[in-house]
Amino acid sequence: MSVLKFSKSHEWARIENDIAVVGITDYAQKELGDIVFIELPRVDETVRQNAQFGTIESTKSASEMFAPLSGKVIEVNKDLPGNPQWVNESPFEKGWMIKIKIENSAEAAGLMDEEAYGEFVSKESHH
């Protein structure tokens, strides 16, 4: 069974046992606009919760991406840098970025579920 969680910096994590598939949310890709460049970490790199794991650039701006959970990168979507538009077209499917072997599953408790994230986004977009 997989659980979808969200961070305040607009990354999502699809958690299946001790693996998290990570990407940016639909809201984030809409805010960024057309994605033109993505820089991702290498396999075997360690990422820390709320620390930068990569960079994403759109026609409007460049943004850092932050890991929703700590752990070791076990897989990178190697086709994504050549097809950055996948983040716009399919942020939760083709546009996934990295897979992390979760180091501390308790960190997931600090992330939002879909309902809480929806409320967070609606508050943020009204400011």
C-alpha atoms as a PDB file:
ATOM      1  CA  MET A   1       0.000   0.000   0.000  1.00  0.00           C
ATOM      2  CA  SER A   2       1.368   3.408  -0.871  1.00  0.00           C
ATOM      3  CA  VAL A   3       0.793   6.653   1.001  1.00  0.00           C
ATOM      4  CA  LEU A   4       1.095  10.066  -0.630  1.00  0.00           C
ATOM      5  CA  LYS A   5       2.552  12.828   1.562  1.00  0.00           C
ATOM      6  CA  PHE A   6       3.383  16.470   0.840  1.00  0.00           C
ATOM      7  CA  SER A   7       5.927  18.996   2.116  1.00  0.00           C
ATOM      8  CA  LYS A   8       5.446  22.733   2.624  1.00  0.00           C
ATOM      9  CA  SER A   9       8.033  23.305  -0.125  1.00  0.00           C
ATOM     10  CA  HIS A  10       5.665  21.525  -2.589  1.00  0.00           C
ATOM     11  CA  GLU A  11       7.394  18.173  -3.003  1.00  0.00           C
ATOM     12  CA  TRP A  12       5.434  14.943  -2.822  1.00  0.00           C
ATOM     13  CA  ALA A  13       6.567  11.557  -1.536  1.00  0.00           C
ATOM     14  CA  ARG A  14       4.789   8.333  -2.455  1.00  0.00           C
ATOM     15  CA  ILE A  15       5.812   6.050   0.387  1.00  0.00           C
ATOM     16  CA  GLU A  16       5.802   2.291  -0.114  1.00  0.00           C
ATOM     17  CA  ASN A  17       7.285   0.446   2.867  1.00  0.00           C
ATOM     18  CA  ASP A  18      10.768   1.976   3.282  1.00  0.00           C
ATOM     19  CA  ILE A  19      10.994   3.557  -0.191  1.00  0.00           C
ATOM     20  CA  ALA A  20       9.794   7.054  -1.110  1.00  0.00           C
ATOM     21  CA  VAL A  21       9.290   8.134  -4.706  1.00  0.00           C
ATOM     22  CA  VAL A  22       9.728  11.927  -4.810  1.00  0.00           C
ATOM     23  CA  GLY A  23       8.689  14.701  -7.187  1.00  0.00           C
ATOM     24  CA  ILE A  24       7.179  18.175  -7.173  1.00  0.00           C
ATOM     25  CA  THR A  25       3.451  18.729  -6.875  1.00  0.00           C
ATOM     26  CA  ASP A  26       0.980  19.678  -9.564  1.00  0.00           C
ATOM     27  CA  TYR A  27       0.571  23.044  -7.801  1.00  0.00           C
ATOM     28  CA  ALA A  28       4.350  23.633  -7.925  1.00  0.00           C
ATOM     29  CA  GLN A  29       4.679  22.798 -11.618  1.00  0.00           C
ATOM     30  CA  LYS A  30       1.757  25.140 -12.440  1.00  0.00           C
ATOM     31  CA  GLU A  31       3.388  27.943 -10.419  1.00  0.00           C
ATOM     32  CA  LEU A  32       6.743  27.375 -12.154  1.00  0.00           C
ATOM     33  CA  GLY A  33       5.361  27.207 -15.690  1.00  0.00           C
ATOM     34  CA  ASP A  34       7.148  25.362 -18.495  1.00  0.00           C
ATOM     35  CA  ILE A  35       9.996  23.298 -17.017  1.00  0.00           C
ATOM     36  CA  VAL A  36      13.155  23.505 -19.149  1.00  0.00           C
ATOM     37  CA  PHE A  37      15.927  22.046 -16.943  1.00  0.00           C
ATOM     38  CA  ILE A  38      16.232  19.640 -14.011  1.00  0.00           C
ATOM     39  CA  GLU A  39      19.331  18.789 -11.996  1.00  0.00           C
ATOM     40  CA  LEU A  40      19.056  15.670  -9.841  1.00  0.00           C
ATOM     41  CA  PRO A  41      21.404  13.973  -7.360  1.00  0.00           C
ATOM     42  CA  ARG A  42      23.320  10.802  -8.201  1.00  0.00           C
ATOM     43  CA  VAL A  43      22.401   7.324  -7.041  1.00  0.00           C
ATOM     44  CA  ASP A  44      23.960   6.528  -3.635  1.00  0.00           C
ATOM     45  CA  GLU A  45      23.938  10.182  -2.541  1.00  0.00           C
ATOM     46  CA  THR A  46      22.390  10.798   0.861  1.00  0.00           C
ATOM     47  CA  VAL A  47      19.660  13.401   1.137  1.00  0.00           C
ATOM     48  CA  ARG A  48      18.408  15.042   4.334  1.00  0.00           C
ATOM     49  CA  GLN A  49      14.839  16.056   5.077  1.00  0.00           C
ATOM     50  CA  ASN A  50      14.255  19.713   4.096  1.00  0.00           C
ATOM     51  CA  ALA A  51      17.735  19.961   2.516  1.00  0.00           C
ATOM     52  CA  GLN A  52      18.213  20.715  -1.177  1.00  0.00           C
ATOM     53  CA  PHE A  53      18.397  17.663  -3.448  1.00  0.00           C
ATOM     54  CA  GLY A  54      18.207  19.311  -6.846  1.00  0.00           C
ATOM     55  CA  THR A  55      17.352  22.298  -8.991  1.00  0.00           C
ATOM     56  CA  ILE A  56      14.465  22.879 -11.360  1.00  0.00           C
ATOM     57  CA  GLU A  57      14.304  25.684 -13.894  1.00  0.00           C
ATOM     58  CA  SER A  58      11.343  26.964 -15.832  1.00  0.00           C
ATOM     59  CA  THR A  59      10.963  29.691 -18.417  1.00  0.00           C
ATOM     60  CA  LYS A  60      10.080  31.971 -15.446  1.00  0.00           C
ATOM     61  CA  SER A  61      12.537  31.058 -12.677  1.00  0.00           C
ATOM     62  CA  ALA A  62      14.906  28.574 -11.077  1.00  0.00           C
ATOM     63  CA  SER A  63      14.018  26.857  -7.804  1.00  0.00           C
ATOM     64  CA  GLU A  64      15.695  24.507  -5.409  1.00  0.00           C
ATOM     65  CA  MET A  65      13.951  21.259  -4.575  1.00  0.00           C
ATOM     66  CA  PHE A  66      14.012  19.950  -1.016  1.00  0.00           C
ATOM     67  CA  ALA A  67      13.897  16.340   0.119  1.00  0.00           C
ATOM     68  CA  PRO A  68      10.691  15.498   1.983  1.00  0.00           C
ATOM     69  CA  LEU A  69      12.495  12.660   3.809  1.00  0.00           C
ATOM     70  CA  SER A  70      16.054  11.664   4.691  1.00  0.00           C
ATOM     71  CA  GLY A  71      17.733   8.664   3.164  1.00  0.00           C
ATOM     72  CA  LYS A  72      19.867   7.293   0.380  1.00  0.00           C
ATOM     73  CA  VAL A  73      19.009   7.908  -3.282  1.00  0.00           C
ATOM     74  CA  ILE A  74      18.532   4.428  -4.751  1.00  0.00           C
ATOM     75  CA  GLU A  75      17.189   5.464  -8.157  1.00  0.00           C
ATOM     76  CA  VAL A  76      17.021   8.602 -10.285  1.00  0.00           C
ATOM     77  CA  ASN A  77      14.600   9.174 -13.158  1.00  0.00           C
ATOM     78  CA  LYS A  78      17.432   9.250 -15.691  1.00  0.00           C
ATOM     79  CA  ASP A  79      15.081  10.088 -18.585  1.00  0.00           C
ATOM     80  CA  LEU A  80      13.738  13.206 -16.866  1.00  0.00           C
ATOM     81  CA  PRO A  81      16.611  15.677 -17.555  1.00  0.00           C
ATOM     82  CA  GLY A  82      16.132  15.006 -21.282  1.00  0.00           C
ATOM     83  CA  ASN A  83      12.348  15.337 -20.973  1.00  0.00           C
ATOM     84  CA  PRO A  84      11.753  18.071 -18.358  1.00  0.00           C
ATOM     85  CA  GLN A  85       8.241  18.710 -19.746  1.00  0.00           C
ATOM     86  CA  TRP A  86       7.158  15.423 -18.097  1.00  0.00           C
ATOM     87  CA  VAL A  87       7.019  17.343 -14.799  1.00  0.00           C
ATOM     88  CA  ASN A  88       4.363  19.606 -16.356  1.00  0.00           C
ATOM     89  CA  GLU A  89       2.533  16.816 -18.157  1.00  0.00           C
ATOM     90  CA  SER A  90       2.573  14.167 -15.437  1.00  0.00           C
ATOM     91  CA  PRO A  91       4.089  15.342 -12.097  1.00  0.00           C
ATOM     92  CA  PHE A  92       3.008  12.206 -10.188  1.00  0.00           C
ATOM     93  CA  GLU A  93       3.748   9.581 -12.846  1.00  0.00           C
ATOM     94  CA  LYS A  94       6.347  10.224 -15.587  1.00  0.00           C
ATOM     95  CA  GLY A  95       7.648  13.321 -13.773  1.00  0.00           C
ATOM     96  CA  TRP A  96       8.928  11.539 -10.638  1.00  0.00           C
ATOM     97  CA  MET A  97      12.497  12.516  -9.768  1.00  0.00           C
ATOM     98  CA  ILE A  98      14.196  10.270  -7.246  1.00  0.00           C
ATOM     99  CA  LYS A  99      13.591   7.204  -5.104  1.00  0.00           C
ATOM    100  CA  ILE A 100      14.891   7.337  -1.537  1.00  0.00           C
ATOM    101  CA  LYS A 101      15.485   4.442   0.846  1.00  0.00           C
ATOM    102  CA  ILE A 102      13.952   6.041   3.934  1.00  0.00           C
ATOM    103  CA  GLU A 103      16.319   6.356   6.864  1.00  0.00           C
ATOM    104  CA  ASN A 104      13.835   7.487   9.518  1.00  0.00           C
ATOM    105  CA  SER A 105      10.185   6.664   8.867  1.00  0.00           C
ATOM    106  CA  ALA A 106       9.120   8.924  11.769  1.00  0.00           C
ATOM    107  CA  GLU A 107       9.932  11.935   9.548  1.00  0.00           C
ATOM    108  CA  ALA A 108       6.858  11.145   7.447  1.00  0.00           C
ATOM    109  CA  ALA A 109       4.661  12.224  10.379  1.00  0.00           C
ATOM    110  CA  GLY A 110       5.797  15.810   9.725  1.00  0.00           C
ATOM    111  CA  LEU A 111       4.447  15.750   6.173  1.00  0.00           C
ATOM    112  CA  MET A 112       0.902  16.615   5.118  1.00  0.00           C
ATOM    113  CA  ASP A 113      -1.675  14.249   3.681  1.00  0.00           C
ATOM    114  CA  GLU A 114      -3.560  15.190   0.531  1.00  0.00           C
ATOM    115  CA  GLU A 115      -6.366  16.977   2.405  1.00  0.00           C
ATOM    116  CA  ALA A 116      -4.002  19.047   4.582  1.00  0.00           C
ATOM    117  CA  TYR A 117      -1.871  19.924   1.552  1.00  0.00           C
ATOM    118  CA  GLY A 118      -4.978  21.051  -0.343  1.00  0.00           C
ATOM    119  CA  GLU A 119      -5.858  23.396   2.543  1.00  0.00           C
ATOM    120  CA  PHE A 120      -2.236  24.635   2.725  1.00  0.00           C
ATOM    121  CA  VAL A 121      -2.193  25.430  -1.010  1.00  0.00           C
ATOM    122  CA  SER A 122      -5.551  27.199  -0.936  1.00  0.00           C
ATOM    123  CA  LYS A 123      -4.338  29.411   1.943  1.00  0.00           C
ATOM    124  CA  GLU A 124      -1.027  30.075   0.170  1.00  0.00           C
ATOM    125  CA  SER A 125      -2.648  30.972  -3.144  1.00  0.00           C
ATOM    126  CA  HIS A 126      -4.940  33.513  -1.427  1.00  0.00           C
ATOM    127  CA  HIS A 127      -2.032  35.547  -0.036  1.00  0.00           C
END
